[in-house]
Amino acid sequence: MATEDTDHAERTEHADHTEYFELVCDDLAYDVVITDPGARVLEVAQAVRELTGLSLWRGKVLATEVPAVILGGVPEADAEAAVAALRAVGAGAEMREWLPPDSPMP
């Protein structure tokens, strides 16, 4: 019974103060990274274009200057689909856990 009184006292004591909450998302975000363009660079560039909406020229630049992050902060399902599309045309690609720009490096 003493703990109930203590809990009640703590709740009322904090009732006058502003509380801050940190929102935590259970869904992690990922980067999609090209690690190797493979032999079919033009097809990889076209896949990058389809995935990102970038120009074919920019897609080719990203495909050849590896490692290159082509999508950042996307949901897991989207990242998996993008990696599969890139691998289907012969590129080496992987998902990496996304780190927000303001976060410290691990």
PDB file of N, CA and C in Angstrom:
ATOM      1  N   MET A   1       0.811  -1.183   0.000  1.00  0.00           N
ATOM      2  CA  MET A   1       0.000   0.000   0.000  1.00  0.00           C
ATOM      3  C   MET A   1       0.861   1.256   0.000  1.00  0.00           C
ATOM      4  N   ALA A   2       2.002   1.187   0.604  1.00  0.00           N
ATOM      5  CA  ALA A   2       2.896   2.338   0.623  1.00  0.00           C
ATOM      6  C   ALA A   2       3.379   2.668  -0.781  1.00  0.00           C
ATOM      7  N   THR A   3       3.566   1.655  -1.616  1.00  0.00           N
ATOM      8  CA  THR A   3       4.017   1.921  -2.980  1.00  0.00           C
ATOM      9  C   THR A   3       2.932   2.601  -3.795  1.00  0.00           C
ATOM     10  N   GLU A   4       1.665   2.296  -3.535  1.00  0.00           N
ATOM     11  CA  GLU A   4       0.576   2.969  -4.253  1.00  0.00           C
ATOM     12  C   GLU A   4       0.562   4.449  -3.923  1.00  0.00           C
ATOM     13  N   ASP A   5       0.775   4.797  -2.652  1.00  0.00           N
ATOM     14  CA  ASP A   5       0.813   6.198  -2.254  1.00  0.00           C
ATOM     15  C   ASP A   5       2.007   6.903  -2.883  1.00  0.00           C
ATOM     16  N   THR A   6       3.136   6.225  -2.946  1.00  0.00           N
ATOM     17  CA  THR A   6       4.332   6.800  -3.551  1.00  0.00           C
ATOM     18  C   THR A   6       4.118   7.024  -5.043  1.00  0.00           C
ATOM     19  N   ASP A   7       3.539   6.042  -5.738  1.00  0.00           N
ATOM     20  CA  ASP A   7       3.267   6.191  -7.163  1.00  0.00           C
ATOM     21  C   ASP A   7       2.328   7.357  -7.413  1.00  0.00           C
ATOM     22  N   HIS A   8       1.309   7.473  -6.604  1.00  0.00           N
ATOM     23  CA  HIS A   8       0.344   8.559  -6.759  1.00  0.00           C
ATOM     24  C   HIS A   8       1.031   9.905  -6.548  1.00  0.00           C
ATOM     25  N   ALA A   9       1.903   9.976  -5.557  1.00  0.00           N
ATOM     26  CA  ALA A   9       2.616  11.216  -5.274  1.00  0.00           C
ATOM     27  C   ALA A   9       3.517  11.597  -6.441  1.00  0.00           C
ATOM     28  N   GLU A  10       4.170  10.626  -7.053  1.00  0.00           N
ATOM     29  CA  GLU A  10       5.038  10.919  -8.193  1.00  0.00           C
ATOM     30  C   GLU A  10       4.230  11.410  -9.385  1.00  0.00           C
ATOM     31  N   ARG A  11       3.071  10.831  -9.584  1.00  0.00           N
ATOM     32  CA  ARG A  11       2.237  11.265 -10.707  1.00  0.00           C
ATOM     33  C   ARG A  11       1.752  12.690 -10.511  1.00  0.00           C
ATOM     34  N   THR A  12       1.315  13.039  -9.329  1.00  0.00           N
ATOM     35  CA  THR A  12       0.803  14.386  -9.107  1.00  0.00           C
ATOM     36  C   THR A  12       1.940  15.396  -9.124  1.00  0.00           C
ATOM     37  N   GLU A  13       3.102  14.984  -8.657  1.00  0.00           N
ATOM     38  CA  GLU A  13       4.240  15.888  -8.666  1.00  0.00           C
ATOM     39  C   GLU A  13       4.616  16.264 -10.102  1.00  0.00           C
ATOM     40  N   HIS A  14       4.524  15.331 -11.032  1.00  0.00           N
ATOM     41  CA  HIS A  14       4.889  15.584 -12.422  1.00  0.00           C
ATOM     42  C   HIS A  14       3.745  16.195 -13.223  1.00  0.00           C
ATOM     43  N   ALA A  15       2.579  16.286 -12.639  1.00  0.00           N
ATOM     44  CA  ALA A  15       1.421  16.792 -13.368  1.00  0.00           C
ATOM     45  C   ALA A  15       1.604  18.247 -13.784  1.00  0.00           C
ATOM     46  N   ASP A  16       2.380  19.026 -13.041  1.00  0.00           N
ATOM     47  CA  ASP A  16       2.563  20.441 -13.357  1.00  0.00           C
ATOM     48  C   ASP A  16       3.718  20.693 -14.318  1.00  0.00           C
ATOM     49  N   HIS A  17       4.471  19.666 -14.656  1.00  0.00           N
ATOM     50  CA  HIS A  17       5.645  19.835 -15.507  1.00  0.00           C
ATOM     51  C   HIS A  17       5.352  19.367 -16.930  1.00  0.00           C
ATOM     52  N   THR A  18       6.027  19.976 -17.861  1.00  0.00           N
ATOM     53  CA  THR A  18       5.925  19.539 -19.246  1.00  0.00           C
ATOM     54  C   THR A  18       6.687  18.237 -19.406  1.00  0.00           C
ATOM     55  N   GLU A  19       6.072  17.308 -20.087  1.00  0.00           N
ATOM     56  CA  GLU A  19       6.728  16.031 -20.339  1.00  0.00           C
ATOM     57  C   GLU A  19       7.129  15.964 -21.798  1.00  0.00           C
ATOM     58  N   TYR A  20       8.276  15.386 -22.043  1.00  0.00           N
ATOM     59  CA  TYR A  20       8.763  15.208 -23.397  1.00  0.00           C
ATOM     60  C   TYR A  20       8.853  13.722 -23.686  1.00  0.00           C
ATOM     61  N   PHE A  21       8.449  13.370 -24.878  1.00  0.00           N
ATOM     62  CA  PHE A  21       8.484  11.984 -25.290  1.00  0.00           C
ATOM     63  C   PHE A  21       9.322  11.860 -26.545  1.00  0.00           C
ATOM     64  N   GLU A  22      10.087  10.817 -26.612  1.00  0.00           N
ATOM     65  CA  GLU A  22      10.849  10.523 -27.817  1.00  0.00           C
ATOM     66  C   GLU A  22      10.075   9.484 -28.611  1.00  0.00           C
ATOM     67  N   LEU A  23       9.728   9.839 -29.837  1.00  0.00           N
ATOM     68  CA  LEU A  23       8.995   8.912 -30.678  1.00  0.00           C
ATOM     69  C   LEU A  23       9.954   7.887 -31.256  1.00  0.00           C
ATOM     70  N   VAL A  24       9.587   6.657 -31.134  1.00  0.00           N
ATOM     71  CA  VAL A  24      10.414   5.569 -31.638  1.00  0.00           C
ATOM     72  C   VAL A  24       9.620   4.830 -32.700  1.00  0.00           C
ATOM     73  N   CYS A  25      10.205   4.713 -33.850  1.00  0.00           N
ATOM     74  CA  CYS A  25       9.557   4.010 -34.954  1.00  0.00           C
ATOM     75  C   CYS A  25      10.098   2.586 -35.004  1.00  0.00           C
ATOM     76  N   ASP A  26       9.186   1.642 -35.062  1.00  0.00           N
ATOM     77  CA  ASP A  26       9.607   0.246 -35.130  1.00  0.00           C
ATOM     78  C   ASP A  26      10.121  -0.137 -36.511  1.00  0.00           C
ATOM     79  N   ASP A  27       9.734   0.626 -37.517  1.00  0.00           N
ATOM     80  CA  ASP A  27      10.145   0.328 -38.884  1.00  0.00           C
ATOM     81  C   ASP A  27      11.456   1.047 -39.179  1.00  0.00           C
ATOM     82  N   LEU A  28      12.499   0.288 -39.383  1.00  0.00           N
ATOM     83  CA  LEU A  28      13.789   0.874 -39.701  1.00  0.00           C
ATOM     84  C   LEU A  28      13.808   1.339 -41.147  1.00  0.00           C
ATOM     85  N   ALA A  29      14.614   2.337 -41.413  1.00  0.00           N
ATOM     86  CA  ALA A  29      14.794   2.815 -42.778  1.00  0.00           C
ATOM     87  C   ALA A  29      16.147   2.317 -43.283  1.00  0.00           C
ATOM     88  N   TYR A  30      16.240   2.188 -44.590  1.00  0.00           N
ATOM     89  CA  TYR A  30      17.448   1.636 -45.197  1.00  0.00           C
ATOM     90  C   TYR A  30      17.915   2.487 -46.364  1.00  0.00           C
ATOM     91  N   ASP A  31      19.208   2.407 -46.630  1.00  0.00           N
ATOM     92  CA  ASP A  31      19.801   2.947 -47.846  1.00  0.00           C
ATOM     93  C   ASP A  31      19.980   1.790 -48.812  1.00  0.00           C
ATOM     94  N   VAL A  32      19.836   2.079 -50.097  1.00  0.00           N
ATOM     95  CA  VAL A  32      20.140   1.095 -51.137  1.00  0.00           C
ATOM     96  C   VAL A  32      21.451   1.537 -51.768  1.00  0.00           C
ATOM     97  N   VAL A  33      22.434   0.647 -51.748  1.00  0.00           N
ATOM     98  CA  VAL A  33      23.788   0.986 -52.182  1.00  0.00           C
ATOM     99  C   VAL A  33      24.217   0.064 -53.313  1.00  0.00           C
ATOM    100  N   ILE A  34      24.705   0.672 -54.403  1.00  0.00           N
ATOM    101  CA  ILE A  34      25.324  -0.110 -55.479  1.00  0.00           C
ATOM    102  C   ILE A  34      26.777  -0.308 -55.090  1.00  0.00           C
ATOM    103  N   THR A  35      27.200  -1.561 -55.035  1.00  0.00           N
ATOM    104  CA  THR A  35      28.580  -1.875 -54.657  1.00  0.00           C
ATOM    105  C   THR A  35      29.436  -2.288 -55.847  1.00  0.00           C
ATOM    106  N   ASP A  36      28.776  -2.704 -56.938  1.00  0.00           N
ATOM    107  CA  ASP A  36      29.489  -3.143 -58.141  1.00  0.00           C
ATOM    108  C   ASP A  36      28.531  -3.025 -59.324  1.00  0.00           C
ATOM    109  N   PRO A  37      28.915  -2.282 -60.374  1.00  0.00           N
ATOM    110  CA  PRO A  37      27.999  -2.131 -61.502  1.00  0.00           C
ATOM    111  C   PRO A  37      27.881  -3.377 -62.368  1.00  0.00           C
ATOM    112  N   GLY A  38      28.814  -4.293 -62.248  1.00  0.00           N
ATOM    113  CA  GLY A  38      28.776  -5.483 -63.090  1.00  0.00           C
ATOM    114  C   GLY A  38      29.141  -5.151 -64.526  1.00  0.00           C
ATOM    115  N   ALA A  39      28.872  -6.075 -65.427  1.00  0.00           N
ATOM    116  CA  ALA A  39      29.260  -5.921 -66.833  1.00  0.00           C
ATOM    117  C   ALA A  39      28.250  -5.110 -67.638  1.00  0.00           C
ATOM    118  N   ARG A  40      27.010  -5.010 -67.164  1.00  0.00           N
ATOM    119  CA  ARG A  40      25.956  -4.336 -67.934  1.00  0.00           C
ATOM    120  C   ARG A  40      25.637  -2.970 -67.323  1.00  0.00           C
ATOM    121  N   VAL A  41      26.583  -2.050 -67.432  1.00  0.00           N
ATOM    122  CA  VAL A  41      26.469  -0.743 -66.792  1.00  0.00           C
ATOM    123  C   VAL A  41      25.255   0.026 -67.297  1.00  0.00           C
ATOM    124  N   LEU A  42      24.984  -0.025 -68.596  1.00  0.00           N
ATOM    125  CA  LEU A  42      23.849   0.717 -69.135  1.00  0.00           C
ATOM    126  C   LEU A  42      22.523   0.196 -68.567  1.00  0.00           C
ATOM    127  N   GLU A  43      22.396  -1.108 -68.427  1.00  0.00           N
ATOM    128  CA  GLU A  43      21.173  -1.672 -67.848  1.00  0.00           C
ATOM    129  C   GLU A  43      21.043  -1.289 -66.373  1.00  0.00           C
ATOM    130  N   VAL A  44      22.162  -1.230 -65.678  1.00  0.00           N
ATOM    131  CA  VAL A  44      22.140  -0.795 -64.278  1.00  0.00           C
ATOM    132  C   VAL A  44      21.731   0.675 -64.213  1.00  0.00           C
ATOM    133  N   ALA A  45      22.265   1.493 -65.113  1.00  0.00           N
ATOM    134  CA  ALA A  45      21.895   2.908 -65.158  1.00  0.00           C
ATOM    135  C   ALA A  45      20.405   3.071 -65.433  1.00  0.00           C
ATOM    136  N   GLN A  46      19.851   2.248 -66.313  1.00  0.00           N
ATOM    137  CA  GLN A  46      18.416   2.299 -66.585  1.00  0.00           C
ATOM    138  C   GLN A  46      17.607   1.889 -65.356  1.00  0.00           C
ATOM    139  N   ALA A  47      18.083   0.893 -64.630  1.00  0.00           N
ATOM    140  CA  ALA A  47      17.402   0.483 -63.401  1.00  0.00           C
ATOM    141  C   ALA A  47      17.444   1.602 -62.362  1.00  0.00           C
ATOM    142  N   VAL A  48      18.587   2.270 -62.245  1.00  0.00           N
ATOM    143  CA  VAL A  48      18.708   3.404 -61.324  1.00  0.00           C
ATOM    144  C   VAL A  48      17.723   4.494 -61.727  1.00  0.00           C
ATOM    145  N   ARG A  49      17.623   4.746 -63.020  1.00  0.00           N
ATOM    146  CA  ARG A  49      16.686   5.752 -63.522  1.00  0.00           C
ATOM    147  C   ARG A  49      15.251   5.399 -63.144  1.00  0.00           C
ATOM    148  N   GLU A  50      14.868   4.142 -63.325  1.00  0.00           N
ATOM    149  CA  GLU A  50      13.510   3.713 -62.990  1.00  0.00           C
ATOM    150  C   GLU A  50      13.240   3.798 -61.491  1.00  0.00           C
ATOM    151  N   LEU A  51      14.235   3.486 -60.685  1.00  0.00           N
ATOM    152  CA  LEU A  51      14.061   3.493 -59.232  1.00  0.00           C
ATOM    153  C   LEU A  51      14.046   4.892 -58.635  1.00  0.00           C
ATOM    154  N   THR A  52      14.810   5.800 -59.242  1.00  0.00           N
ATOM    155  CA  THR A  52      14.998   7.117 -58.630  1.00  0.00           C
ATOM    156  C   THR A  52      14.346   8.266 -59.382  1.00  0.00           C
ATOM    157  N   GLY A  53      14.120   8.087 -60.670  1.00  0.00           N
ATOM    158  CA  GLY A  53      13.613   9.197 -61.475  1.00  0.00           C
ATOM    159  C   GLY A  53      14.717  10.116 -61.973  1.00  0.00           C
ATOM    160  N   LEU A  54      15.962   9.759 -61.706  1.00  0.00           N
ATOM    161  CA  LEU A  54      17.091  10.560 -62.186  1.00  0.00           C
ATOM    162  C   LEU A  54      17.280  10.351 -63.684  1.00  0.00           C
ATOM    163  N   SER A  55      18.076  11.218 -64.288  1.00  0.00           N
ATOM    164  CA  SER A  55      18.366  11.067 -65.712  1.00  0.00           C
ATOM    165  C   SER A  55      19.227   9.828 -65.944  1.00  0.00           C
ATOM    166  N   LEU A  56      19.233   9.362 -67.183  1.00  0.00           N
ATOM    167  CA  LEU A  56      20.048   8.207 -67.534  1.00  0.00           C
ATOM    168  C   LEU A  56      21.530   8.513 -67.316  1.00  0.00           C
ATOM    169  N   TRP A  57      21.944   9.739 -67.646  1.00  0.00           N
ATOM    170  CA  TRP A  57      23.336  10.130 -67.453  1.00  0.00           C
ATOM    171  C   TRP A  57      23.706  10.059 -65.971  1.00  0.00           C
ATOM    172  N   ARG A  58      22.852  10.623 -65.110  1.00  0.00           N
ATOM    173  CA  ARG A  58      23.133  10.609 -63.664  1.00  0.00           C
ATOM    174  C   ARG A  58      23.107   9.170 -63.126  1.00  0.00           C
ATOM    175  N   GLY A  59      22.202   8.354 -63.656  1.00  0.00           N
ATOM    176  CA  GLY A  59      22.150   6.950 -63.267  1.00  0.00           C
ATOM    177  C   GLY A  59      23.438   6.228 -63.604  1.00  0.00           C
ATOM    178  N   LYS A  60      24.012   6.560 -64.778  1.00  0.00           N
ATOM    179  CA  LYS A  60      25.276   5.933 -65.185  1.00  0.00           C
ATOM    180  C   LYS A  60      26.414   6.391 -64.281  1.00  0.00           C
ATOM    181  N   VAL A  61      26.411   7.667 -63.920  1.00  0.00           N
ATOM    182  CA  VAL A  61      27.442   8.180 -63.011  1.00  0.00           C
ATOM    183  C   VAL A  61      27.369   7.449 -61.670  1.00  0.00           C
ATOM    184  N   LEU A  62      26.164   7.313 -61.127  1.00  0.00           N
ATOM    185  CA  LEU A  62      26.004   6.607 -59.852  1.00  0.00           C
ATOM    186  C   LEU A  62      26.401   5.141 -59.966  1.00  0.00           C
ATOM    187  N   ALA A  63      26.077   4.535 -61.093  1.00  0.00           N
ATOM    188  CA  ALA A  63      26.381   3.114 -61.280  1.00  0.00           C
ATOM    189  C   ALA A  63      27.876   2.853 -61.380  1.00  0.00           C
ATOM    190  N   THR A  64      28.626   3.815 -61.881  1.00  0.00           N
ATOM    191  CA  THR A  64      30.059   3.589 -62.083  1.00  0.00           C
ATOM    192  C   THR A  64      30.927   4.119 -60.948  1.00  0.00           C
ATOM    193  N   GLU A  65      30.417   5.036 -60.161  1.00  0.00           N
ATOM    194  CA  GLU A  65      31.193   5.585 -59.040  1.00  0.00           C
ATOM    195  C   GLU A  65      30.728   4.926 -57.746  1.00  0.00           C
ATOM    196  N   VAL A  66      31.167   3.711 -57.544  1.00  0.00           N
ATOM    197  CA  VAL A  66      30.695   2.913 -56.408  1.00  0.00           C
ATOM    198  C   VAL A  66      31.652   2.981 -55.226  1.00  0.00           C
ATOM    199  N   PRO A  67      31.192   2.776 -54.018  1.00  0.00           N
ATOM    200  CA  PRO A  67      29.798   2.530 -53.667  1.00  0.00           C
ATOM    201  C   PRO A  67      28.984   3.816 -53.775  1.00  0.00           C
ATOM    202  N   ALA A  68      27.744   3.678 -54.204  1.00  0.00           N
ATOM    203  CA  ALA A  68      26.865   4.825 -54.380  1.00  0.00           C
ATOM    204  C   ALA A  68      25.509   4.538 -53.751  1.00  0.00           C
ATOM    205  N   VAL A  69      25.064   5.452 -52.902  1.00  0.00           N
ATOM    206  CA  VAL A  69      23.725   5.348 -52.315  1.00  0.00           C
ATOM    207  C   VAL A  69      22.748   5.910 -53.332  1.00  0.00           C
ATOM    208  N   ILE A  70      21.838   5.065 -53.817  1.00  0.00           N
ATOM    209  CA  ILE A  70      20.880   5.557 -54.805  1.00  0.00           C
ATOM    210  C   ILE A  70      19.526   5.877 -54.188  1.00  0.00           C
ATOM    211  N   LEU A  71      19.197   5.242 -53.082  1.00  0.00           N
ATOM    212  CA  LEU A  71      17.978   5.555 -52.337  1.00  0.00           C
ATOM    213  C   LEU A  71      18.347   5.636 -50.865  1.00  0.00           C
ATOM    214  N   GLY A  72      17.858   6.637 -50.188  1.00  0.00           N
ATOM    215  CA  GLY A  72      18.177   6.784 -48.778  1.00  0.00           C
ATOM    216  C   GLY A  72      16.944   6.902 -47.911  1.00  0.00           C
ATOM    217  N   GLY A  73      16.968   6.212 -46.791  1.00  0.00           N
ATOM    218  CA  GLY A  73      15.893   6.312 -45.821  1.00  0.00           C
ATOM    219  C   GLY A  73      14.572   5.727 -46.270  1.00  0.00           C
ATOM    220  N   VAL A  74      14.616   4.644 -47.025  1.00  0.00           N
ATOM    221  CA  VAL A  74      13.383   4.032 -47.537  1.00  0.00           C
ATOM    222  C   VAL A  74      12.980   2.847 -46.660  1.00  0.00           C
ATOM    223  N   PRO A  75      11.686   2.501 -46.666  1.00  0.00           N
ATOM    224  CA  PRO A  75      11.234   1.338 -45.889  1.00  0.00           C
ATOM    225  C   PRO A  75      11.880   0.047 -46.385  1.00  0.00           C
ATOM    226  N   GLU A  76      11.884  -0.950 -45.521  1.00  0.00           N
ATOM    227  CA  GLU A  76      12.551  -2.216 -45.820  1.00  0.00           C
ATOM    228  C   GLU A  76      12.027  -2.870 -47.099  1.00  0.00           C
ATOM    229  N   ALA A  77      10.718  -2.889 -47.285  1.00  0.00           N
ATOM    230  CA  ALA A  77      10.144  -3.537 -48.472  1.00  0.00           C
ATOM    231  C   ALA A  77      10.600  -2.845 -49.753  1.00  0.00           C
ATOM    232  N   ASP A  78      10.639  -1.510 -49.740  1.00  0.00           N
ATOM    233  CA  ASP A  78      11.097  -0.766 -50.917  1.00  0.00           C
ATOM    234  C   ASP A  78      12.581  -1.017 -51.174  1.00  0.00           C
ATOM    235  N   ALA A  79      13.363  -1.060 -50.102  1.00  0.00           N
ATOM    236  CA  ALA A  79      14.800  -1.312 -50.253  1.00  0.00           C
ATOM    237  C   ALA A  79      15.051  -2.708 -50.808  1.00  0.00           C
ATOM    238  N   GLU A  80      14.317  -3.690 -50.310  1.00  0.00           N
ATOM    239  CA  GLU A  80      14.482  -5.061 -50.819  1.00  0.00           C
ATOM    240  C   GLU A  80      14.122  -5.149 -52.296  1.00  0.00           C
ATOM    241  N   ALA A  81      13.047  -4.472 -52.698  1.00  0.00           N
ATOM    242  CA  ALA A  81      12.633  -4.486 -54.103  1.00  0.00           C
ATOM    243  C   ALA A  81      13.678  -3.809 -54.985  1.00  0.00           C
ATOM    244  N   ALA A  82      14.246  -2.701 -54.513  1.00  0.00           N
ATOM    245  CA  ALA A  82      15.263  -1.992 -55.290  1.00  0.00           C
ATOM    246  C   ALA A  82      16.526  -2.832 -55.435  1.00  0.00           C
ATOM    247  N   VAL A  83      16.951  -3.476 -54.355  1.00  0.00           N
ATOM    248  CA  VAL A  83      18.138  -4.341 -54.415  1.00  0.00           C
ATOM    249  C   VAL A  83      17.896  -5.488 -55.386  1.00  0.00           C
ATOM    250  N   ALA A  84      16.709  -6.070 -55.347  1.00  0.00           N
ATOM    251  CA  ALA A  84      16.379  -7.170 -56.266  1.00  0.00           C
ATOM    252  C   ALA A  84      16.406  -6.698 -57.714  1.00  0.00           C
ATOM    253  N   ALA A  85      15.883  -5.501 -57.980  1.00  0.00           N
ATOM    254  CA  ALA A  85      15.877  -4.959 -59.344  1.00  0.00           C
ATOM    255  C   ALA A  85      17.298  -4.716 -59.843  1.00  0.00           C
ATOM    256  N   LEU A  86      18.154  -4.208 -58.982  1.00  0.00           N
ATOM    257  CA  LEU A  86      19.541  -3.958 -59.374  1.00  0.00           C
ATOM    258  C   LEU A  86      20.302  -5.261 -59.604  1.00  0.00           C
ATOM    259  N   ARG A  87      20.081  -6.220 -58.744  1.00  0.00           N
ATOM    260  CA  ARG A  87      20.750  -7.517 -58.911  1.00  0.00           C
ATOM    261  C   ARG A  87      20.259  -8.242 -60.154  1.00  0.00           C
ATOM    262  N   ALA A  88      19.007  -8.015 -60.533  1.00  0.00           N
ATOM    263  CA  ALA A  88      18.441  -8.663 -61.720  1.00  0.00           C
ATOM    264  C   ALA A  88      19.146  -8.221 -63.000  1.00  0.00           C
ATOM    265  N   VAL A  89      19.724  -7.017 -62.991  1.00  0.00           N
ATOM    266  CA  VAL A  89      20.445  -6.544 -64.177  1.00  0.00           C
ATOM    267  C   VAL A  89      21.959  -6.695 -64.017  1.00  0.00           C
ATOM    268  N   GLY A  90      22.382  -7.416 -62.986  1.00  0.00           N
ATOM    269  CA  GLY A  90      23.793  -7.741 -62.849  1.00  0.00           C
ATOM    270  C   GLY A  90      24.605  -6.872 -61.917  1.00  0.00           C
ATOM    271  N   ALA A  91      23.971  -5.956 -61.220  1.00  0.00           N
ATOM    272  CA  ALA A  91      24.715  -5.085 -60.301  1.00  0.00           C
ATOM    273  C   ALA A  91      24.875  -5.755 -58.946  1.00  0.00           C
ATOM    274  N   GLY A  92      25.943  -5.392 -58.265  1.00  0.00           N
ATOM    275  CA  GLY A  92      26.076  -5.755 -56.864  1.00  0.00           C
ATOM    276  C   GLY A  92      25.391  -4.668 -56.062  1.00  0.00           C
ATOM    277  N   ALA A  93      24.438  -5.035 -55.221  1.00  0.00           N
ATOM    278  CA  ALA A  93      23.690  -4.049 -54.445  1.00  0.00           C
ATOM    279  C   ALA A  93      23.380  -4.613 -53.075  1.00  0.00           C
ATOM    280  N   GLU A  94      23.230  -3.711 -52.114  1.00  0.00           N
ATOM    281  CA  GLU A  94      22.910  -4.140 -50.757  1.00  0.00           C
ATOM    282  C   GLU A  94      22.104  -3.074 -50.035  1.00  0.00           C
ATOM    283  N   MET A  95      21.459  -3.520 -48.968  1.00  0.00           N
ATOM    284  CA  MET A  95      20.736  -2.614 -48.078  1.00  0.00           C
ATOM    285  C   MET A  95      21.637  -2.326 -46.883  1.00  0.00           C
ATOM    286  N   ARG A  96      21.635  -1.080 -46.459  1.00  0.00           N
ATOM    287  CA  ARG A  96      22.358  -0.705 -45.244  1.00  0.00           C
ATOM    288  C   ARG A  96      21.407   0.088 -44.364  1.00  0.00           C
ATOM    289  N   GLU A  97      21.543  -0.090 -43.069  1.00  0.00           N
ATOM    290  CA  GLU A  97      20.677   0.663 -42.164  1.00  0.00           C
ATOM    291  C   GLU A  97      20.933   2.149 -42.357  1.00  0.00           C
ATOM    292  N   TRP A  98      19.852   2.887 -42.502  1.00  0.00           N
ATOM    293  CA  TRP A  98      19.929   4.322 -42.748  1.00  0.00           C
ATOM    294  C   TRP A  98      20.244   5.059 -41.467  1.00  0.00           C
ATOM    295  N   LEU A  99      21.167   6.002 -41.540  1.00  0.00           N
ATOM    296  CA  LEU A  99      21.479   6.865 -40.410  1.00  0.00           C
ATOM    297  C   LEU A  99      21.080   8.281 -40.776  1.00  0.00           C
ATOM    298  N   PRO A 100      20.242   8.923 -39.962  1.00  0.00           N
ATOM    299  CA  PRO A 100      19.867  10.307 -40.250  1.00  0.00           C
ATOM    300  C   PRO A 100      21.110  11.190 -40.318  1.00  0.00           C
ATOM    301  N   PRO A 101      21.054  12.273 -41.085  1.00  0.00           N
ATOM    302  CA  PRO A 101      22.234  13.132 -41.257  1.00  0.00           C
ATOM    303  C   PRO A 101      22.800  13.684 -39.953  1.00  0.00           C
ATOM    304  N   ASP A 102      21.957  13.907 -38.932  1.00  0.00           N
ATOM    305  CA  ASP A 102      22.432  14.492 -37.681  1.00  0.00           C
ATOM    306  C   ASP A 102      22.922  13.469 -36.673  1.00  0.00           C
ATOM    307  N   SER A 103      22.840  12.188 -36.997  1.00  0.00           N
ATOM    308  CA  SER A 103      23.223  11.169 -36.021  1.00  0.00           C
ATOM    309  C   SER A 103      24.729  10.917 -36.074  1.00  0.00           C
ATOM    310  N   PRO A 104      25.311  10.577 -34.928  1.00  0.00           N
ATOM    311  CA  PRO A 104      26.744  10.260 -34.919  1.00  0.00           C
ATOM    312  C   PRO A 104      26.992   8.917 -35.589  1.00  0.00           C
ATOM    313  N   MET A 105      28.149   8.776 -36.147  1.00  0.00           N
ATOM    314  CA  MET A 105      28.521   7.519 -36.790  1.00  0.00           C
ATOM    315  C   MET A 105      28.692   6.451 -35.715  1.00  0.00           C
ATOM    316  N   PRO A 106      28.323   5.190 -36.042  1.00  0.00           N
ATOM    317  CA  PRO A 106      28.467   4.128 -35.031  1.00  0.00           C
ATOM    318  C   PRO A 106      29.909   3.769 -34.778  1.00  0.00           C
TER     319      PRO A 106
END
